[in-house]
Amino acid sequence: MANTNVRKSIQSKIESLGKEIENLQIELKRWEKIAADYETNSESIDLILSIQIPEKAEGKVKRVKA
């Protein structure tokens, strides 16, 4: 009886880790695509970010001064 419980527990853990590995591989592919997209379009992305970030920074500065 105890051996059956141990085997089930081990098998359950193996299956759980297998699913986690699959999810992490999907996440890795997602971030690799993001990195590749950034390398391809880095100038456009940097320009967009440079436009957006100062606006947020100005809002924060105004709040600090007020």
C-alpha atoms as a PDB file:
ATOM      1  CA  MET A   1       0.000   0.000   0.000  1.00  0.00           C
ATOM      2  CA  ALA A   2       2.725   2.495   0.934  1.00  0.00           C
ATOM      3  CA  ASN A   3       4.673   1.636  -2.207  1.00  0.00           C
ATOM      4  CA  THR A   4       1.620   2.408  -4.335  1.00  0.00           C
ATOM      5  CA  ASN A   5       1.211   5.811  -2.690  1.00  0.00           C
ATOM      6  CA  VAL A   6       4.889   6.600  -3.143  1.00  0.00           C
ATOM      7  CA  ARG A   7       4.777   5.548  -6.803  1.00  0.00           C
ATOM      8  CA  LYS A   8       1.662   7.654  -7.409  1.00  0.00           C
ATOM      9  CA  SER A   9       3.276  10.625  -5.698  1.00  0.00           C
ATOM     10  CA  ILE A  10       6.454  10.268  -7.752  1.00  0.00           C
ATOM     11  CA  GLN A  11       4.492   9.857 -10.992  1.00  0.00           C
ATOM     12  CA  SER A  12       2.371  12.879 -10.156  1.00  0.00           C
ATOM     13  CA  LYS A  13       5.484  14.970  -9.510  1.00  0.00           C
ATOM     14  CA  ILE A  14       7.047  13.827 -12.793  1.00  0.00           C
ATOM     15  CA  GLU A  15       3.899  14.780 -14.711  1.00  0.00           C
ATOM     16  CA  SER A  16       3.729  18.119 -12.939  1.00  0.00           C
ATOM     17  CA  LEU A  17       7.358  18.886 -13.777  1.00  0.00           C
ATOM     18  CA  GLY A  18       6.767  17.845 -17.391  1.00  0.00           C
ATOM     19  CA  LYS A  19       3.907  20.334 -17.678  1.00  0.00           C
ATOM     20  CA  GLU A  20       6.000  23.024 -16.034  1.00  0.00           C
ATOM     21  CA  ILE A  21       8.835  22.380 -18.505  1.00  0.00           C
ATOM     22  CA  GLU A  22       6.407  22.649 -21.428  1.00  0.00           C
ATOM     23  CA  ASN A  23       5.093  25.970 -20.102  1.00  0.00           C
ATOM     24  CA  LEU A  24       8.608  27.298 -19.573  1.00  0.00           C
ATOM     25  CA  GLN A  25       9.605  26.273 -23.115  1.00  0.00           C
ATOM     26  CA  ILE A  26       6.610  28.200 -24.469  1.00  0.00           C
ATOM     27  CA  GLU A  27       7.582  31.208 -22.347  1.00  0.00           C
ATOM     28  CA  LEU A  28      11.190  30.950 -23.582  1.00  0.00           C
ATOM     29  CA  LYS A  29      10.048  30.941 -27.221  1.00  0.00           C
ATOM     30  CA  ARG A  30       7.859  33.975 -26.499  1.00  0.00           C
ATOM     31  CA  TRP A  31      10.760  35.941 -25.035  1.00  0.00           C
ATOM     32  CA  GLU A  32      13.115  34.834 -27.825  1.00  0.00           C
ATOM     33  CA  LYS A  33      10.585  36.240 -30.314  1.00  0.00           C
ATOM     34  CA  ILE A  34      10.373  39.481 -28.333  1.00  0.00           C
ATOM     35  CA  ALA A  35      14.187  39.739 -28.348  1.00  0.00           C
ATOM     36  CA  ALA A  36      14.331  39.059 -32.100  1.00  0.00           C
ATOM     37  CA  ASP A  37      11.587  41.626 -32.757  1.00  0.00           C
ATOM     38  CA  TYR A  38      13.458  44.166 -30.669  1.00  0.00           C
ATOM     39  CA  GLU A  39      16.702  43.526 -32.559  1.00  0.00           C
ATOM     40  CA  THR A  40      14.862  43.983 -35.852  1.00  0.00           C
ATOM     41  CA  ASN A  41      12.925  47.086 -34.793  1.00  0.00           C
ATOM     42  CA  SER A  42      15.038  48.512 -31.978  1.00  0.00           C
ATOM     43  CA  GLU A  43      15.156  52.033 -33.413  1.00  0.00           C
ATOM     44  CA  SER A  44      11.375  52.235 -33.729  1.00  0.00           C
ATOM     45  CA  ILE A  45      10.830  50.782 -30.278  1.00  0.00           C
ATOM     46  CA  ASP A  46      13.405  53.097 -28.698  1.00  0.00           C
ATOM     47  CA  LEU A  47      11.774  56.080 -30.373  1.00  0.00           C
ATOM     48  CA  ILE A  48       8.339  55.115 -29.068  1.00  0.00           C
ATOM     49  CA  LEU A  49       9.716  54.583 -25.573  1.00  0.00           C
ATOM     50  CA  SER A  50      11.612  57.885 -25.613  1.00  0.00           C
ATOM     51  CA  ILE A  51       8.388  59.690 -26.454  1.00  0.00           C
ATOM     52  CA  GLN A  52       6.364  57.953 -23.753  1.00  0.00           C
ATOM     53  CA  ILE A  53       8.843  57.918 -20.877  1.00  0.00           C
ATOM     54  CA  PRO A  54       9.475  61.699 -20.627  1.00  0.00           C
ATOM     55  CA  GLU A  55       5.733  62.318 -20.368  1.00  0.00           C
ATOM     56  CA  LYS A  56       5.526  59.975 -17.407  1.00  0.00           C
ATOM     57  CA  ALA A  57       8.641  61.450 -15.837  1.00  0.00           C
ATOM     58  CA  GLU A  58       7.261  64.986 -16.144  1.00  0.00           C
ATOM     59  CA  GLY A  59       4.090  63.941 -14.354  1.00  0.00           C
ATOM     60  CA  LYS A  60       6.110  62.482 -11.516  1.00  0.00           C
ATOM     61  CA  VAL A  61       8.271  65.585 -11.215  1.00  0.00           C
ATOM     62  CA  LYS A  62       5.214  67.833 -11.071  1.00  0.00           C
ATOM     63  CA  ARG A  63       3.751  65.721  -8.294  1.00  0.00           C
ATOM     64  CA  VAL A  64       6.968  65.917  -6.299  1.00  0.00           C
ATOM     65  CA  LYS A  65       7.177  69.716  -6.649  1.00  0.00           C
ATOM     66  CA  ALA A  66       3.519  70.296  -5.765  1.00  0.00           C
END
